[in-house]
Amino acid sequence: MEPTKTYSYEEVLKASKTFFGGDEQATREWMENHLHPLPKRPEVIEVRPQVLECDVVRFQNNKDKWVAFVGLLDGYPYEIFTGLQDDEEGIMLPKSVTKGKIIKQQNPDGSKRYDFQFENKRGYKTTVEGLSEKFNPEYWNYAKLISGVLRYRMPIDHVIKLVASLQLQSENINTWKNGVERALKKYEE
């Protein structure tokens, strides 16, 4: 038995267009009607929703414990916050927490922050305020760059290649970079 091959959206689009003799309307209709939930390009949303579903991805590099909060829009990564877990500021989550929400809030002074909210086993909500401020500012800046690429829906395999190609100076930031790659690989097709 031959291994299953996964095709990208672009590959399916190109082959379908060839099959339909270049007829874009027929190609689009066929893809919309017959490929669900196969390759479907997520839409670019210019304005971030106030609340996004979130996956919590934990990983370990060397002896350091890291955590990534991956904000999802329609099941596709839209933004990422990541850094060392259990720092002095206190990203302390029960190990059972693997999902939650990232909520965009506006402070009284007009600045914005991102909070992480999850439900415990009893159904009570717990909010970690200022998620965007909990991590090393250097990681935060790179995470903003990666989030910008995700928001414009670059295919995940390309985002992973982009992150892998970053040439960073310190060992800590390279450790962080490896963890981000690992966290995003979960979403490859």
N, C-alpha and C. Protein backbone atom coordinates (compact mmCIF):
# COMPACT_ATOMS: atom_id res chain seq x y z
N MET A 1 0.84 -1.17 0.00
CA MET A 1 0.00 0.00 0.00
C MET A 1 0.89 1.24 0.00
N GLU A 2 0.62 2.17 -0.90
CA GLU A 2 1.42 3.38 -0.99
C GLU A 2 1.01 4.36 0.10
N PRO A 3 2.00 5.15 0.62
CA PRO A 3 1.66 6.14 1.64
C PRO A 3 0.75 7.22 1.05
N THR A 4 -0.10 7.79 1.87
CA THR A 4 -1.01 8.84 1.45
C THR A 4 -0.23 10.13 1.26
N LYS A 5 -0.50 10.84 0.18
CA LYS A 5 0.15 12.13 -0.06
C LYS A 5 -0.85 13.23 0.22
N THR A 6 -0.39 14.27 0.90
CA THR A 6 -1.22 15.42 1.17
C THR A 6 -0.86 16.51 0.17
N TYR A 7 -1.85 17.10 -0.45
CA TYR A 7 -1.64 18.14 -1.43
C TYR A 7 -2.00 19.49 -0.84
N SER A 8 -1.23 20.51 -1.20
CA SER A 8 -1.52 21.87 -0.73
C SER A 8 -2.73 22.41 -1.48
N TYR A 9 -3.29 23.47 -0.97
CA TYR A 9 -4.42 24.14 -1.61
C TYR A 9 -4.03 24.54 -3.04
N GLU A 10 -2.82 25.12 -3.18
CA GLU A 10 -2.37 25.58 -4.48
C GLU A 10 -2.25 24.43 -5.48
N GLU A 11 -1.75 23.27 -5.03
CA GLU A 11 -1.61 22.10 -5.92
C GLU A 11 -2.98 21.61 -6.38
N VAL A 12 -3.93 21.55 -5.46
CA VAL A 12 -5.29 21.10 -5.81
C VAL A 12 -5.94 22.10 -6.77
N LEU A 13 -5.75 23.39 -6.49
CA LEU A 13 -6.31 24.43 -7.35
C LEU A 13 -5.76 24.32 -8.77
N LYS A 14 -4.44 24.16 -8.89
CA LYS A 14 -3.80 24.07 -10.21
C LYS A 14 -4.30 22.85 -10.98
N ALA A 15 -4.33 21.69 -10.32
CA ALA A 15 -4.78 20.46 -10.99
C ALA A 15 -6.26 20.57 -11.39
N SER A 16 -7.08 21.14 -10.52
CA SER A 16 -8.51 21.29 -10.81
C SER A 16 -8.73 22.23 -11.99
N LYS A 17 -7.97 23.31 -12.00
CA LYS A 17 -8.11 24.27 -13.08
C LYS A 17 -7.73 23.64 -14.42
N THR A 18 -6.69 22.82 -14.42
CA THR A 18 -6.29 22.10 -15.63
C THR A 18 -7.41 21.16 -16.06
N PHE A 19 -7.97 20.42 -15.10
CA PHE A 19 -9.05 19.47 -15.41
C PHE A 19 -10.24 20.18 -16.05
N PHE A 20 -10.57 21.38 -15.55
CA PHE A 20 -11.72 22.12 -16.07
C PHE A 20 -11.34 23.05 -17.23
N GLY A 21 -10.20 22.78 -17.85
CA GLY A 21 -9.79 23.54 -19.04
C GLY A 21 -9.59 25.02 -18.78
N GLY A 22 -9.15 25.38 -17.58
CA GLY A 22 -8.89 26.78 -17.25
C GLY A 22 -10.12 27.55 -16.81
N ASP A 23 -11.28 26.89 -16.73
CA ASP A 23 -12.52 27.56 -16.32
C ASP A 23 -12.48 27.81 -14.81
N GLU A 24 -12.23 29.08 -14.43
CA GLU A 24 -12.08 29.41 -13.01
C GLU A 24 -13.38 29.23 -12.24
N GLN A 25 -14.50 29.58 -12.82
CA GLN A 25 -15.80 29.43 -12.14
C GLN A 25 -16.08 27.96 -11.83
N ALA A 26 -15.89 27.10 -12.80
CA ALA A 26 -16.13 25.67 -12.60
C ALA A 26 -15.16 25.12 -11.55
N THR A 27 -13.91 25.56 -11.61
CA THR A 27 -12.91 25.11 -10.65
C THR A 27 -13.31 25.51 -9.24
N ARG A 28 -13.66 26.78 -9.05
CA ARG A 28 -14.04 27.29 -7.73
C ARG A 28 -15.27 26.55 -7.19
N GLU A 29 -16.28 26.38 -8.03
CA GLU A 29 -17.49 25.68 -7.58
C GLU A 29 -17.17 24.24 -7.19
N TRP A 30 -16.38 23.55 -8.00
CA TRP A 30 -16.04 22.17 -7.69
C TRP A 30 -15.27 22.09 -6.36
N MET A 31 -14.30 22.97 -6.18
CA MET A 31 -13.50 22.94 -4.95
C MET A 31 -14.37 23.23 -3.72
N GLU A 32 -15.27 24.20 -3.83
CA GLU A 32 -16.12 24.56 -2.70
C GLU A 32 -17.09 23.43 -2.36
N ASN A 33 -17.58 22.73 -3.38
CA ASN A 33 -18.59 21.69 -3.16
C ASN A 33 -18.04 20.31 -2.85
N HIS A 34 -16.82 20.01 -3.29
CA HIS A 34 -16.32 18.65 -3.16
C HIS A 34 -15.11 18.47 -2.27
N LEU A 35 -14.48 19.52 -1.85
CA LEU A 35 -13.26 19.36 -1.06
C LEU A 35 -13.45 19.60 0.43
N HIS A 36 -14.62 19.96 0.86
CA HIS A 36 -14.82 20.21 2.28
C HIS A 36 -14.71 18.89 3.04
N PRO A 37 -13.89 18.75 4.08
CA PRO A 37 -13.01 19.74 4.69
C PRO A 37 -11.56 19.63 4.22
N LEU A 38 -11.34 19.19 3.01
CA LEU A 38 -9.98 19.09 2.47
C LEU A 38 -9.40 20.49 2.27
N PRO A 39 -8.26 20.62 1.56
CA PRO A 39 -7.57 21.91 1.52
C PRO A 39 -8.49 23.08 1.24
N LYS A 40 -8.55 23.97 2.16
CA LYS A 40 -9.36 25.16 2.00
C LYS A 40 -8.58 26.31 2.60
N ARG A 41 -8.30 27.31 1.83
CA ARG A 41 -7.51 28.43 2.31
C ARG A 41 -8.35 29.28 3.26
N PRO A 42 -7.83 29.53 4.47
CA PRO A 42 -8.56 30.39 5.40
C PRO A 42 -8.60 31.83 4.89
N GLU A 43 -9.66 32.52 5.25
CA GLU A 43 -9.81 33.92 4.84
C GLU A 43 -8.92 34.82 5.68
N VAL A 44 -8.45 35.89 5.07
CA VAL A 44 -7.72 36.92 5.80
C VAL A 44 -8.76 37.82 6.45
N ILE A 45 -8.65 37.99 7.74
CA ILE A 45 -9.56 38.86 8.49
C ILE A 45 -8.74 40.06 8.95
N GLU A 46 -9.06 41.25 8.46
CA GLU A 46 -8.28 42.45 8.76
C GLU A 46 -8.37 42.88 10.22
N VAL A 47 -9.57 42.74 10.81
CA VAL A 47 -9.75 43.17 12.19
C VAL A 47 -9.82 41.93 13.08
N ARG A 48 -8.92 41.87 14.04
CA ARG A 48 -8.86 40.73 14.94
C ARG A 48 -10.13 40.67 15.79
N PRO A 49 -10.77 39.50 15.84
CA PRO A 49 -11.92 39.36 16.74
C PRO A 49 -11.48 39.59 18.19
N GLN A 50 -12.38 40.05 19.03
CA GLN A 50 -12.03 40.30 20.43
C GLN A 50 -11.62 39.02 21.14
N VAL A 51 -12.26 37.91 20.80
CA VAL A 51 -11.99 36.63 21.45
C VAL A 51 -11.59 35.60 20.40
N LEU A 52 -10.49 34.89 20.66
CA LEU A 52 -10.06 33.78 19.80
C LEU A 52 -9.92 32.52 20.64
N GLU A 53 -10.30 31.39 20.06
CA GLU A 53 -10.01 30.11 20.69
C GLU A 53 -8.49 29.97 20.75
N CYS A 54 -8.01 29.16 21.69
CA CYS A 54 -6.57 29.07 21.88
C CYS A 54 -6.16 27.66 22.26
N ASP A 55 -5.05 27.20 21.68
CA ASP A 55 -4.41 25.96 22.12
C ASP A 55 -3.21 26.33 22.97
N VAL A 56 -3.00 25.58 24.03
CA VAL A 56 -1.81 25.76 24.88
C VAL A 56 -0.87 24.61 24.55
N VAL A 57 0.31 24.95 24.07
CA VAL A 57 1.29 23.95 23.67
C VAL A 57 2.51 24.10 24.58
N ARG A 58 2.80 23.05 25.33
CA ARG A 58 3.98 23.06 26.20
C ARG A 58 5.11 22.29 25.53
N PHE A 59 6.33 22.75 25.76
CA PHE A 59 7.48 22.04 25.23
C PHE A 59 8.68 22.32 26.11
N GLN A 60 9.67 21.48 25.97
CA GLN A 60 10.88 21.62 26.76
C GLN A 60 12.07 21.66 25.82
N ASN A 61 12.91 22.64 26.01
CA ASN A 61 14.17 22.74 25.28
C ASN A 61 15.27 22.82 26.31
N ASN A 62 16.27 21.97 26.12
CA ASN A 62 17.29 21.79 27.15
C ASN A 62 16.56 21.43 28.43
N LYS A 63 16.75 22.17 29.50
CA LYS A 63 16.01 21.87 30.73
C LYS A 63 14.94 22.92 31.02
N ASP A 64 14.76 23.85 30.10
CA ASP A 64 13.78 24.92 30.30
C ASP A 64 12.40 24.47 29.83
N LYS A 65 11.38 24.87 30.60
CA LYS A 65 10.00 24.58 30.24
C LYS A 65 9.41 25.83 29.59
N TRP A 66 8.80 25.62 28.43
CA TRP A 66 8.25 26.70 27.64
C TRP A 66 6.76 26.46 27.42
N VAL A 67 6.05 27.53 27.09
CA VAL A 67 4.63 27.42 26.78
C VAL A 67 4.32 28.35 25.61
N ALA A 68 3.46 27.88 24.72
CA ALA A 68 2.99 28.69 23.60
C ALA A 68 1.47 28.75 23.67
N PHE A 69 0.93 29.93 23.50
CA PHE A 69 -0.51 30.14 23.40
C PHE A 69 -0.77 30.47 21.94
N VAL A 70 -1.44 29.57 21.23
CA VAL A 70 -1.68 29.73 19.80
C VAL A 70 -3.15 30.11 19.61
N GLY A 71 -3.37 31.38 19.25
CA GLY A 71 -4.73 31.85 18.99
C GLY A 71 -5.19 31.33 17.65
N LEU A 72 -6.42 30.80 17.61
CA LEU A 72 -6.94 30.16 16.40
C LEU A 72 -8.15 30.91 15.87
N LEU A 73 -8.20 31.05 14.57
CA LEU A 73 -9.38 31.59 13.90
C LEU A 73 -9.82 30.53 12.91
N ASP A 74 -11.01 29.99 13.09
CA ASP A 74 -11.52 28.90 12.26
C ASP A 74 -10.57 27.70 12.27
N GLY A 75 -9.96 27.43 13.41
CA GLY A 75 -9.09 26.27 13.57
C GLY A 75 -7.69 26.44 13.00
N TYR A 76 -7.38 27.62 12.49
CA TYR A 76 -6.09 27.88 11.86
C TYR A 76 -5.32 28.88 12.72
N PRO A 77 -4.01 28.67 12.95
CA PRO A 77 -3.24 29.61 13.77
C PRO A 77 -3.33 31.04 13.25
N TYR A 78 -3.62 31.96 14.17
CA TYR A 78 -3.80 33.37 13.84
C TYR A 78 -2.78 34.24 14.56
N GLU A 79 -2.35 33.80 15.74
CA GLU A 79 -1.36 34.54 16.51
C GLU A 79 -0.70 33.60 17.51
N ILE A 80 0.46 34.02 18.02
CA ILE A 80 1.18 33.18 18.97
C ILE A 80 1.83 34.06 20.04
N PHE A 81 1.72 33.60 21.27
CA PHE A 81 2.42 34.20 22.41
C PHE A 81 3.22 33.06 23.02
N THR A 82 4.48 33.29 23.30
CA THR A 82 5.26 32.20 23.84
C THR A 82 6.45 32.70 24.63
N GLY A 83 6.88 31.86 25.55
CA GLY A 83 8.04 32.16 26.37
C GLY A 83 8.22 31.11 27.44
N LEU A 84 9.12 31.40 28.38
CA LEU A 84 9.37 30.47 29.48
C LEU A 84 8.14 30.36 30.37
N GLN A 85 7.87 29.16 30.81
CA GLN A 85 6.76 28.92 31.73
C GLN A 85 7.27 29.11 33.15
N ASP A 86 6.40 29.51 34.05
CA ASP A 86 6.72 29.68 35.47
C ASP A 86 7.77 30.75 35.71
N ASP A 87 7.72 31.85 34.95
CA ASP A 87 8.66 32.94 35.23
C ASP A 87 8.19 33.70 36.46
N GLU A 88 8.92 34.69 36.88
CA GLU A 88 8.58 35.43 38.09
C GLU A 88 7.22 36.10 38.00
N GLU A 89 6.80 36.45 36.82
CA GLU A 89 5.49 37.08 36.66
C GLU A 89 4.36 36.08 36.86
N GLY A 90 4.63 34.81 36.68
CA GLY A 90 3.65 33.80 37.03
C GLY A 90 2.74 33.28 35.96
N ILE A 91 3.27 32.66 34.91
CA ILE A 91 2.42 31.90 34.00
C ILE A 91 2.38 30.50 34.61
N MET A 92 1.47 30.33 35.52
CA MET A 92 1.33 29.04 36.20
C MET A 92 -0.03 28.49 35.84
N LEU A 93 -0.03 27.45 35.04
CA LEU A 93 -1.28 26.84 34.60
C LEU A 93 -1.30 25.38 35.03
N PRO A 94 -2.47 24.87 35.40
CA PRO A 94 -2.55 23.43 35.64
C PRO A 94 -2.15 22.68 34.37
N LYS A 95 -1.51 21.54 34.54
CA LYS A 95 -1.05 20.76 33.39
C LYS A 95 -2.22 20.31 32.51
N SER A 96 -3.40 20.22 33.08
CA SER A 96 -4.56 19.76 32.32
C SER A 96 -5.07 20.83 31.34
N VAL A 97 -4.61 22.07 31.46
CA VAL A 97 -5.09 23.14 30.58
C VAL A 97 -4.38 23.04 29.23
N THR A 98 -5.17 22.73 28.21
CA THR A 98 -4.63 22.63 26.86
C THR A 98 -5.39 23.53 25.89
N LYS A 99 -6.47 24.13 26.36
CA LYS A 99 -7.29 25.01 25.52
C LYS A 99 -7.79 26.17 26.36
N GLY A 100 -8.19 27.21 25.68
CA GLY A 100 -8.75 28.38 26.36
C GLY A 100 -9.12 29.41 25.32
N LYS A 101 -9.06 30.67 25.75
CA LYS A 101 -9.37 31.79 24.86
C LYS A 101 -8.35 32.89 25.08
N ILE A 102 -8.03 33.60 24.00
CA ILE A 102 -7.22 34.81 24.10
C ILE A 102 -8.17 35.97 23.85
N ILE A 103 -8.23 36.86 24.83
CA ILE A 103 -9.18 37.97 24.79
C ILE A 103 -8.41 39.28 24.68
N LYS A 104 -8.76 40.07 23.67
CA LYS A 104 -8.13 41.38 23.49
C LYS A 104 -8.90 42.38 24.34
N GLN A 105 -8.19 43.08 25.21
CA GLN A 105 -8.80 44.04 26.12
C GLN A 105 -8.21 45.43 25.87
N GLN A 106 -8.98 46.44 26.22
CA GLN A 106 -8.46 47.81 26.14
C GLN A 106 -8.35 48.35 27.56
N ASN A 107 -7.17 48.84 27.90
CA ASN A 107 -6.93 49.43 29.21
C ASN A 107 -7.53 50.83 29.27
N PRO A 108 -7.76 51.35 30.48
CA PRO A 108 -8.33 52.70 30.61
C PRO A 108 -7.52 53.79 29.88
N ASP A 109 -6.21 53.59 29.75
CA ASP A 109 -5.37 54.59 29.07
C ASP A 109 -5.40 54.44 27.55
N GLY A 110 -6.18 53.48 27.03
CA GLY A 110 -6.30 53.29 25.59
C GLY A 110 -5.37 52.22 25.03
N SER A 111 -4.38 51.81 25.81
CA SER A 111 -3.48 50.75 25.34
C SER A 111 -4.22 49.41 25.34
N LYS A 112 -3.68 48.46 24.61
CA LYS A 112 -4.34 47.15 24.51
C LYS A 112 -3.49 46.08 25.17
N ARG A 113 -4.15 45.05 25.62
CA ARG A 113 -3.45 43.89 26.17
C ARG A 113 -4.23 42.65 25.76
N TYR A 114 -3.57 41.50 25.91
CA TYR A 114 -4.19 40.23 25.59
C TYR A 114 -4.20 39.37 26.85
N ASP A 115 -5.35 38.84 27.19
CA ASP A 115 -5.51 37.98 28.36
C ASP A 115 -5.80 36.56 27.91
N PHE A 116 -5.38 35.61 28.73
CA PHE A 116 -5.68 34.20 28.47
C PHE A 116 -6.70 33.75 29.50
N GLN A 117 -7.78 33.11 29.05
CA GLN A 117 -8.82 32.63 29.95
C GLN A 117 -9.07 31.15 29.68
N PHE A 118 -9.21 30.40 30.78
CA PHE A 118 -9.53 28.98 30.65
C PHE A 118 -10.54 28.61 31.72
N GLU A 119 -11.17 27.46 31.50
CA GLU A 119 -12.11 26.92 32.49
C GLU A 119 -11.43 25.78 33.21
N ASN A 120 -11.57 25.78 34.55
CA ASN A 120 -10.99 24.66 35.30
C ASN A 120 -11.95 23.47 35.25
N LYS A 121 -11.58 22.39 35.91
CA LYS A 121 -12.38 21.16 35.85
C LYS A 121 -13.79 21.34 36.39
N ARG A 122 -13.98 22.32 37.25
CA ARG A 122 -15.31 22.57 37.82
C ARG A 122 -16.13 23.57 37.00
N GLY A 123 -15.52 24.08 35.93
CA GLY A 123 -16.24 25.02 35.07
C GLY A 123 -16.05 26.47 35.43
N TYR A 124 -15.19 26.78 36.42
CA TYR A 124 -14.93 28.16 36.78
C TYR A 124 -13.88 28.75 35.85
N LYS A 125 -14.09 30.00 35.47
CA LYS A 125 -13.16 30.66 34.55
C LYS A 125 -12.03 31.32 35.34
N THR A 126 -10.83 31.16 34.81
CA THR A 126 -9.65 31.80 35.38
C THR A 126 -9.00 32.61 34.26
N THR A 127 -8.64 33.85 34.56
CA THR A 127 -8.04 34.72 33.56
C THR A 127 -6.63 35.12 33.97
N VAL A 128 -5.70 34.94 33.06
CA VAL A 128 -4.33 35.42 33.24
C VAL A 128 -4.26 36.71 32.46
N GLU A 129 -4.19 37.83 33.18
CA GLU A 129 -4.19 39.13 32.52
C GLU A 129 -2.81 39.48 32.00
N GLY A 130 -2.80 40.25 30.93
CA GLY A 130 -1.55 40.76 30.38
C GLY A 130 -0.63 39.71 29.80
N LEU A 131 -1.22 38.73 29.13
CA LEU A 131 -0.43 37.67 28.50
C LEU A 131 0.68 38.26 27.63
N SER A 132 0.35 39.34 26.96
CA SER A 132 1.30 39.97 26.05
C SER A 132 2.49 40.58 26.79
N GLU A 133 2.41 40.72 28.09
CA GLU A 133 3.49 41.35 28.87
C GLU A 133 4.24 40.34 29.74
N LYS A 134 3.84 39.08 29.69
CA LYS A 134 4.40 38.08 30.59
C LYS A 134 5.75 37.53 30.15
N PHE A 135 6.09 37.73 28.89
CA PHE A 135 7.29 37.10 28.38
C PHE A 135 8.37 38.13 28.06
N ASN A 136 9.56 37.64 27.88
CA ASN A 136 10.72 38.45 27.51
C ASN A 136 10.35 39.33 26.31
N PRO A 137 10.62 40.66 26.38
CA PRO A 137 10.25 41.55 25.27
C PRO A 137 10.83 41.14 23.92
N GLU A 138 12.02 40.52 23.92
CA GLU A 138 12.60 40.08 22.65
C GLU A 138 11.74 38.99 22.03
N TYR A 139 11.27 38.02 22.85
CA TYR A 139 10.39 36.97 22.34
C TYR A 139 9.09 37.58 21.85
N TRP A 140 8.59 38.56 22.59
CA TRP A 140 7.33 39.21 22.25
C TRP A 140 7.43 39.88 20.88
N ASN A 141 8.55 40.56 20.60
CA ASN A 141 8.72 41.22 19.30
C ASN A 141 8.75 40.21 18.16
N TYR A 142 9.48 39.12 18.33
CA TYR A 142 9.50 38.09 17.28
C TYR A 142 8.13 37.43 17.14
N ALA A 143 7.45 37.23 18.26
CA ALA A 143 6.12 36.62 18.21
C ALA A 143 5.14 37.53 17.47
N LYS A 144 5.27 38.85 17.64
CA LYS A 144 4.41 39.78 16.89
C LYS A 144 4.67 39.66 15.39
N LEU A 145 5.93 39.51 15.02
CA LEU A 145 6.26 39.32 13.60
C LEU A 145 5.63 38.04 13.07
N ILE A 146 5.79 36.95 13.80
CA ILE A 146 5.23 35.66 13.37
C ILE A 146 3.70 35.73 13.32
N SER A 147 3.11 36.39 14.32
CA SER A 147 1.65 36.54 14.33
C SER A 147 1.17 37.33 13.12
N GLY A 148 1.91 38.36 12.72
CA GLY A 148 1.55 39.13 11.54
C GLY A 148 1.51 38.26 10.29
N VAL A 149 2.48 37.37 10.17
CA VAL A 149 2.53 36.46 9.02
C VAL A 149 1.35 35.48 9.08
N LEU A 150 1.06 34.97 10.28
CA LEU A 150 -0.07 34.04 10.44
C LEU A 150 -1.39 34.72 10.10
N ARG A 151 -1.56 35.98 10.50
CA ARG A 151 -2.82 36.69 10.26
C ARG A 151 -3.10 36.87 8.78
N TYR A 152 -2.04 36.95 7.98
CA TYR A 152 -2.25 37.08 6.54
C TYR A 152 -2.23 35.73 5.85
N ARG A 153 -2.33 34.67 6.65
CA ARG A 153 -2.61 33.31 6.21
C ARG A 153 -1.54 32.68 5.33
N MET A 154 -0.28 33.00 5.62
CA MET A 154 0.80 32.28 4.94
C MET A 154 0.66 30.82 5.34
N PRO A 155 0.80 29.89 4.41
CA PRO A 155 0.70 28.47 4.76
C PRO A 155 1.67 28.11 5.88
N ILE A 156 1.21 27.27 6.80
CA ILE A 156 1.98 26.93 8.00
C ILE A 156 3.37 26.40 7.66
N ASP A 157 3.49 25.56 6.63
CA ASP A 157 4.82 25.03 6.32
C ASP A 157 5.78 26.16 5.93
N HIS A 158 5.26 27.22 5.29
CA HIS A 158 6.10 28.36 4.95
C HIS A 158 6.45 29.18 6.20
N VAL A 159 5.52 29.30 7.12
CA VAL A 159 5.79 30.02 8.37
C VAL A 159 6.88 29.29 9.14
N ILE A 160 6.80 27.97 9.19
CA ILE A 160 7.81 27.17 9.90
C ILE A 160 9.18 27.37 9.25
N LYS A 161 9.23 27.38 7.92
CA LYS A 161 10.50 27.62 7.22
C LYS A 161 11.03 29.01 7.52
N LEU A 162 10.13 29.99 7.57
CA LEU A 162 10.53 31.37 7.90
C LEU A 162 11.16 31.43 9.29
N VAL A 163 10.47 30.82 10.26
CA VAL A 163 10.99 30.82 11.64
C VAL A 163 12.33 30.10 11.69
N ALA A 164 12.43 28.97 11.02
CA ALA A 164 13.68 28.19 11.01
C ALA A 164 14.83 28.99 10.39
N SER A 165 14.52 29.86 9.45
CA SER A 165 15.57 30.61 8.76
C SER A 165 16.04 31.84 9.54
N LEU A 166 15.33 32.21 10.61
CA LEU A 166 15.77 33.36 11.41
C LEU A 166 17.15 33.08 11.97
N GLN A 167 18.05 34.03 11.81
CA GLN A 167 19.40 33.87 12.33
C GLN A 167 19.52 34.77 13.55
N LEU A 168 19.37 34.15 14.71
CA LEU A 168 19.33 34.88 15.97
C LEU A 168 20.64 34.68 16.71
N GLN A 169 20.97 35.64 17.56
CA GLN A 169 22.30 35.67 18.16
C GLN A 169 22.48 34.81 19.41
N SER A 170 21.55 34.87 20.33
CA SER A 170 21.78 34.20 21.62
C SER A 170 21.23 32.78 21.62
N GLU A 171 21.77 31.97 22.50
CA GLU A 171 21.33 30.57 22.60
C GLU A 171 19.88 30.51 23.09
N ASN A 172 19.51 31.41 24.03
CA ASN A 172 18.14 31.41 24.56
C ASN A 172 17.11 31.69 23.47
N ILE A 173 17.39 32.67 22.62
CA ILE A 173 16.42 33.01 21.58
C ILE A 173 16.36 31.90 20.54
N ASN A 174 17.46 31.22 20.29
CA ASN A 174 17.43 30.08 19.37
C ASN A 174 16.64 28.93 19.97
N THR A 175 16.74 28.73 21.28
CA THR A 175 15.94 27.72 21.97
C THR A 175 14.46 28.06 21.81
N TRP A 176 14.12 29.34 21.98
CA TRP A 176 12.75 29.80 21.83
C TRP A 176 12.28 29.54 20.39
N LYS A 177 13.13 29.88 19.42
CA LYS A 177 12.79 29.69 18.00
C LYS A 177 12.47 28.22 17.71
N ASN A 178 13.28 27.31 18.24
CA ASN A 178 13.03 25.88 18.03
C ASN A 178 11.68 25.47 18.60
N GLY A 179 11.33 26.02 19.75
CA GLY A 179 10.04 25.71 20.36
C GLY A 179 8.87 26.24 19.55
N VAL A 180 9.02 27.43 18.98
CA VAL A 180 7.96 27.99 18.14
C VAL A 180 7.75 27.09 16.92
N GLU A 181 8.84 26.64 16.31
CA GLU A 181 8.72 25.71 15.18
C GLU A 181 7.94 24.47 15.60
N ARG A 182 8.30 23.92 16.75
CA ARG A 182 7.65 22.71 17.24
C ARG A 182 6.16 22.95 17.51
N ALA A 183 5.84 24.11 18.10
CA ALA A 183 4.45 24.43 18.40
C ALA A 183 3.62 24.55 17.12
N LEU A 184 4.20 25.14 16.07
CA LEU A 184 3.45 25.35 14.82
C LEU A 184 3.34 24.08 13.99
N LYS A 185 4.28 23.15 14.15
CA LYS A 185 4.22 21.91 13.37
C LYS A 185 2.95 21.12 13.64
N LYS A 186 2.36 21.34 14.79
CA LYS A 186 1.11 20.68 15.15
C LYS A 186 -0.01 21.00 14.14
N TYR A 187 0.12 22.13 13.44
CA TYR A 187 -0.94 22.59 12.55
C TYR A 187 -0.65 22.34 11.07
N GLU A 188 0.46 21.67 10.78
CA GLU A 188 0.77 21.33 9.39
C GLU A 188 -0.25 20.32 8.89
N GLU A 189 -0.58 20.43 7.62
CA GLU A 189 -1.54 19.49 7.02
C GLU A 189 -0.86 18.21 6.66
